[in-house]
Amino acid sequence: MTAIDFEGGDPVAIDGIRLSPAALLTQLNELGRANGIGRLDLVENRFVGMKNRGVYETPGGTSCSRRIAASRPSRWIAKRRT
């Protein structure tokens, strides 16, 4: 398991090692790619009636967004109980 540290809502470190934003995303891309995280296959309906299919690979972005989403409900509950 890899820990992503956040400050002010921004990712700043992986496993306690502070990295620049570019280095952090590069590291998350490598970790995610090795574990099959972040491949999106989308079919979009265009306004003009066409369908468009796209395959996107975003392992670093997916890792960050899922971590942020997973932490939000627990923060909300903690604030609500106090």
C-alpha atoms as a PDB file:
ATOM      1  CA  MET A   1       0.000   0.000   0.000  1.00  0.00           C
ATOM      2  CA  THR A   2       1.212   3.486  -0.824  1.00  0.00           C
ATOM      3  CA  ALA A   3       0.399   6.531   1.311  1.00  0.00           C
ATOM      4  CA  ILE A   4      -0.221   9.897  -0.360  1.00  0.00           C
ATOM      5  CA  ASP A   5       0.170  12.914   1.923  1.00  0.00           C
ATOM      6  CA  PHE A   6      -1.919  16.040   1.284  1.00  0.00           C
ATOM      7  CA  GLU A   7      -1.568  19.646   2.439  1.00  0.00           C
ATOM      8  CA  GLY A   8      -4.386  22.062   1.753  1.00  0.00           C
ATOM      9  CA  GLY A   9      -5.991  19.537  -0.603  1.00  0.00           C
ATOM     10  CA  ASP A  10      -2.855  19.149  -2.750  1.00  0.00           C
ATOM     11  CA  PRO A  11      -0.748  15.983  -2.866  1.00  0.00           C
ATOM     12  CA  VAL A  12       2.767  16.714  -1.569  1.00  0.00           C
ATOM     13  CA  ALA A  13       4.403  13.386  -0.652  1.00  0.00           C
ATOM     14  CA  ILE A  14       4.371   9.651  -1.308  1.00  0.00           C
ATOM     15  CA  ASP A  15       5.176   7.416   1.656  1.00  0.00           C
ATOM     16  CA  GLY A  16       6.428  10.452   3.589  1.00  0.00           C
ATOM     17  CA  ILE A  17       8.890  11.561   0.873  1.00  0.00           C
ATOM     18  CA  ARG A  18       8.139  15.108  -0.306  1.00  0.00           C
ATOM     19  CA  LEU A  19       8.220  15.524  -4.084  1.00  0.00           C
ATOM     20  CA  SER A  20       7.608  18.309  -6.573  1.00  0.00           C
ATOM     21  CA  PRO A  21       4.198  18.093  -8.288  1.00  0.00           C
ATOM     22  CA  ALA A  22       5.745  16.764 -11.510  1.00  0.00           C
ATOM     23  CA  ALA A  23       7.866  14.153  -9.692  1.00  0.00           C
ATOM     24  CA  LEU A  24       4.897  13.107  -7.564  1.00  0.00           C
ATOM     25  CA  LEU A  25       2.673  12.565 -10.606  1.00  0.00           C
ATOM     26  CA  THR A  26       5.464  10.687 -12.403  1.00  0.00           C
ATOM     27  CA  GLN A  27       5.912   8.380  -9.400  1.00  0.00           C
ATOM     28  CA  LEU A  28       2.149   7.792  -9.121  1.00  0.00           C
ATOM     29  CA  ASN A  29       1.990   7.067 -12.860  1.00  0.00           C
ATOM     30  CA  GLU A  30       4.686   4.400 -12.499  1.00  0.00           C
ATOM     31  CA  LEU A  31       3.029   2.819  -9.453  1.00  0.00           C
ATOM     32  CA  GLY A  32      -0.444   2.908 -10.993  1.00  0.00           C
ATOM     33  CA  ARG A  33       0.695   1.564 -14.349  1.00  0.00           C
ATOM     34  CA  ALA A  34       2.391  -1.395 -12.646  1.00  0.00           C
ATOM     35  CA  ASN A  35      -0.849  -2.197 -10.786  1.00  0.00           C
ATOM     36  CA  GLY A  36      -3.381  -1.643 -13.560  1.00  0.00           C
ATOM     37  CA  ILE A  37      -4.884   1.562 -12.157  1.00  0.00           C
ATOM     38  CA  GLY A  38      -6.276   4.385 -14.253  1.00  0.00           C
ATOM     39  CA  ARG A  39      -7.331   3.014 -17.632  1.00  0.00           C
ATOM     40  CA  LEU A  40     -10.608   4.559 -18.746  1.00  0.00           C
ATOM     41  CA  ASP A  41     -12.588   3.416 -21.778  1.00  0.00           C
ATOM     42  CA  LEU A  42     -15.327   5.930 -22.589  1.00  0.00           C
ATOM     43  CA  VAL A  43     -18.039   6.160 -25.225  1.00  0.00           C
ATOM     44  CA  GLU A  44     -19.343   9.694 -25.598  1.00  0.00           C
ATOM     45  CA  ASN A  45     -22.455  10.890 -27.393  1.00  0.00           C
ATOM     46  CA  ARG A  46     -21.691  14.044 -29.337  1.00  0.00           C
ATOM     47  CA  PHE A  47     -24.225  16.818 -29.821  1.00  0.00           C
ATOM     48  CA  VAL A  48     -24.266  16.261 -33.603  1.00  0.00           C
ATOM     49  CA  GLY A  49     -25.358  12.615 -33.217  1.00  0.00           C
ATOM     50  CA  MET A  50     -21.963  10.933 -33.482  1.00  0.00           C
ATOM     51  CA  LYS A  51     -20.481   8.587 -30.936  1.00  0.00           C
ATOM     52  CA  ASN A  52     -16.844   8.894 -29.981  1.00  0.00           C
ATOM     53  CA  ARG A  53     -14.792   6.262 -28.181  1.00  0.00           C
ATOM     54  CA  GLY A  54     -11.669   7.162 -26.266  1.00  0.00           C
ATOM     55  CA  VAL A  55      -9.217   5.197 -24.175  1.00  0.00           C
ATOM     56  CA  TYR A  56      -7.355   7.295 -21.629  1.00  0.00           C
ATOM     57  CA  GLU A  57      -4.595   6.241 -19.268  1.00  0.00           C
ATOM     58  CA  THR A  58      -4.379   8.355 -16.121  1.00  0.00           C
ATOM     59  CA  PRO A  59      -2.886   6.222 -13.351  1.00  0.00           C
ATOM     60  CA  GLY A  60      -1.488   9.135 -11.319  1.00  0.00           C
ATOM     61  CA  GLY A  61      -4.609  11.255 -11.613  1.00  0.00           C
ATOM     62  CA  THR A  62      -6.867   8.329 -10.774  1.00  0.00           C
ATOM     63  CA  SER A  63      -4.801   7.479  -7.692  1.00  0.00           C
ATOM     64  CA  CYS A  64      -5.046  11.056  -6.388  1.00  0.00           C
ATOM     65  CA  SER A  65      -8.728  11.535  -7.146  1.00  0.00           C
ATOM     66  CA  ARG A  66      -9.732   8.215  -5.548  1.00  0.00           C
ATOM     67  CA  ARG A  67      -7.703   9.010  -2.437  1.00  0.00           C
ATOM     68  CA  ILE A  68      -9.343  12.425  -2.151  1.00  0.00           C
ATOM     69  CA  ALA A  69     -12.824  10.955  -2.672  1.00  0.00           C
ATOM     70  CA  ALA A  70     -12.183   8.234  -0.089  1.00  0.00           C
ATOM     71  CA  SER A  71     -11.134  10.767   2.541  1.00  0.00           C
ATOM     72  CA  ARG A  72     -14.028  13.214   2.145  1.00  0.00           C
ATOM     73  CA  PRO A  73     -16.860  11.293   3.815  1.00  0.00           C
ATOM     74  CA  SER A  74     -14.785  10.556   6.912  1.00  0.00           C
ATOM     75  CA  ARG A  75     -13.878  14.235   7.268  1.00  0.00           C
ATOM     76  CA  TRP A  76     -17.510  15.220   6.879  1.00  0.00           C
ATOM     77  CA  ILE A  77     -18.639  12.752   9.546  1.00  0.00           C
ATOM     78  CA  ALA A  78     -15.848  13.845  11.903  1.00  0.00           C
ATOM     79  CA  LYS A  79     -16.847  17.501  11.537  1.00  0.00           C
ATOM     80  CA  ARG A  80     -20.501  16.694  11.960  1.00  0.00           C
ATOM     81  CA  ARG A  81     -20.010  14.794  15.233  1.00  0.00           C
ATOM     82  CA  THR A  82     -18.032  17.574  16.938  1.00  0.00           C
END
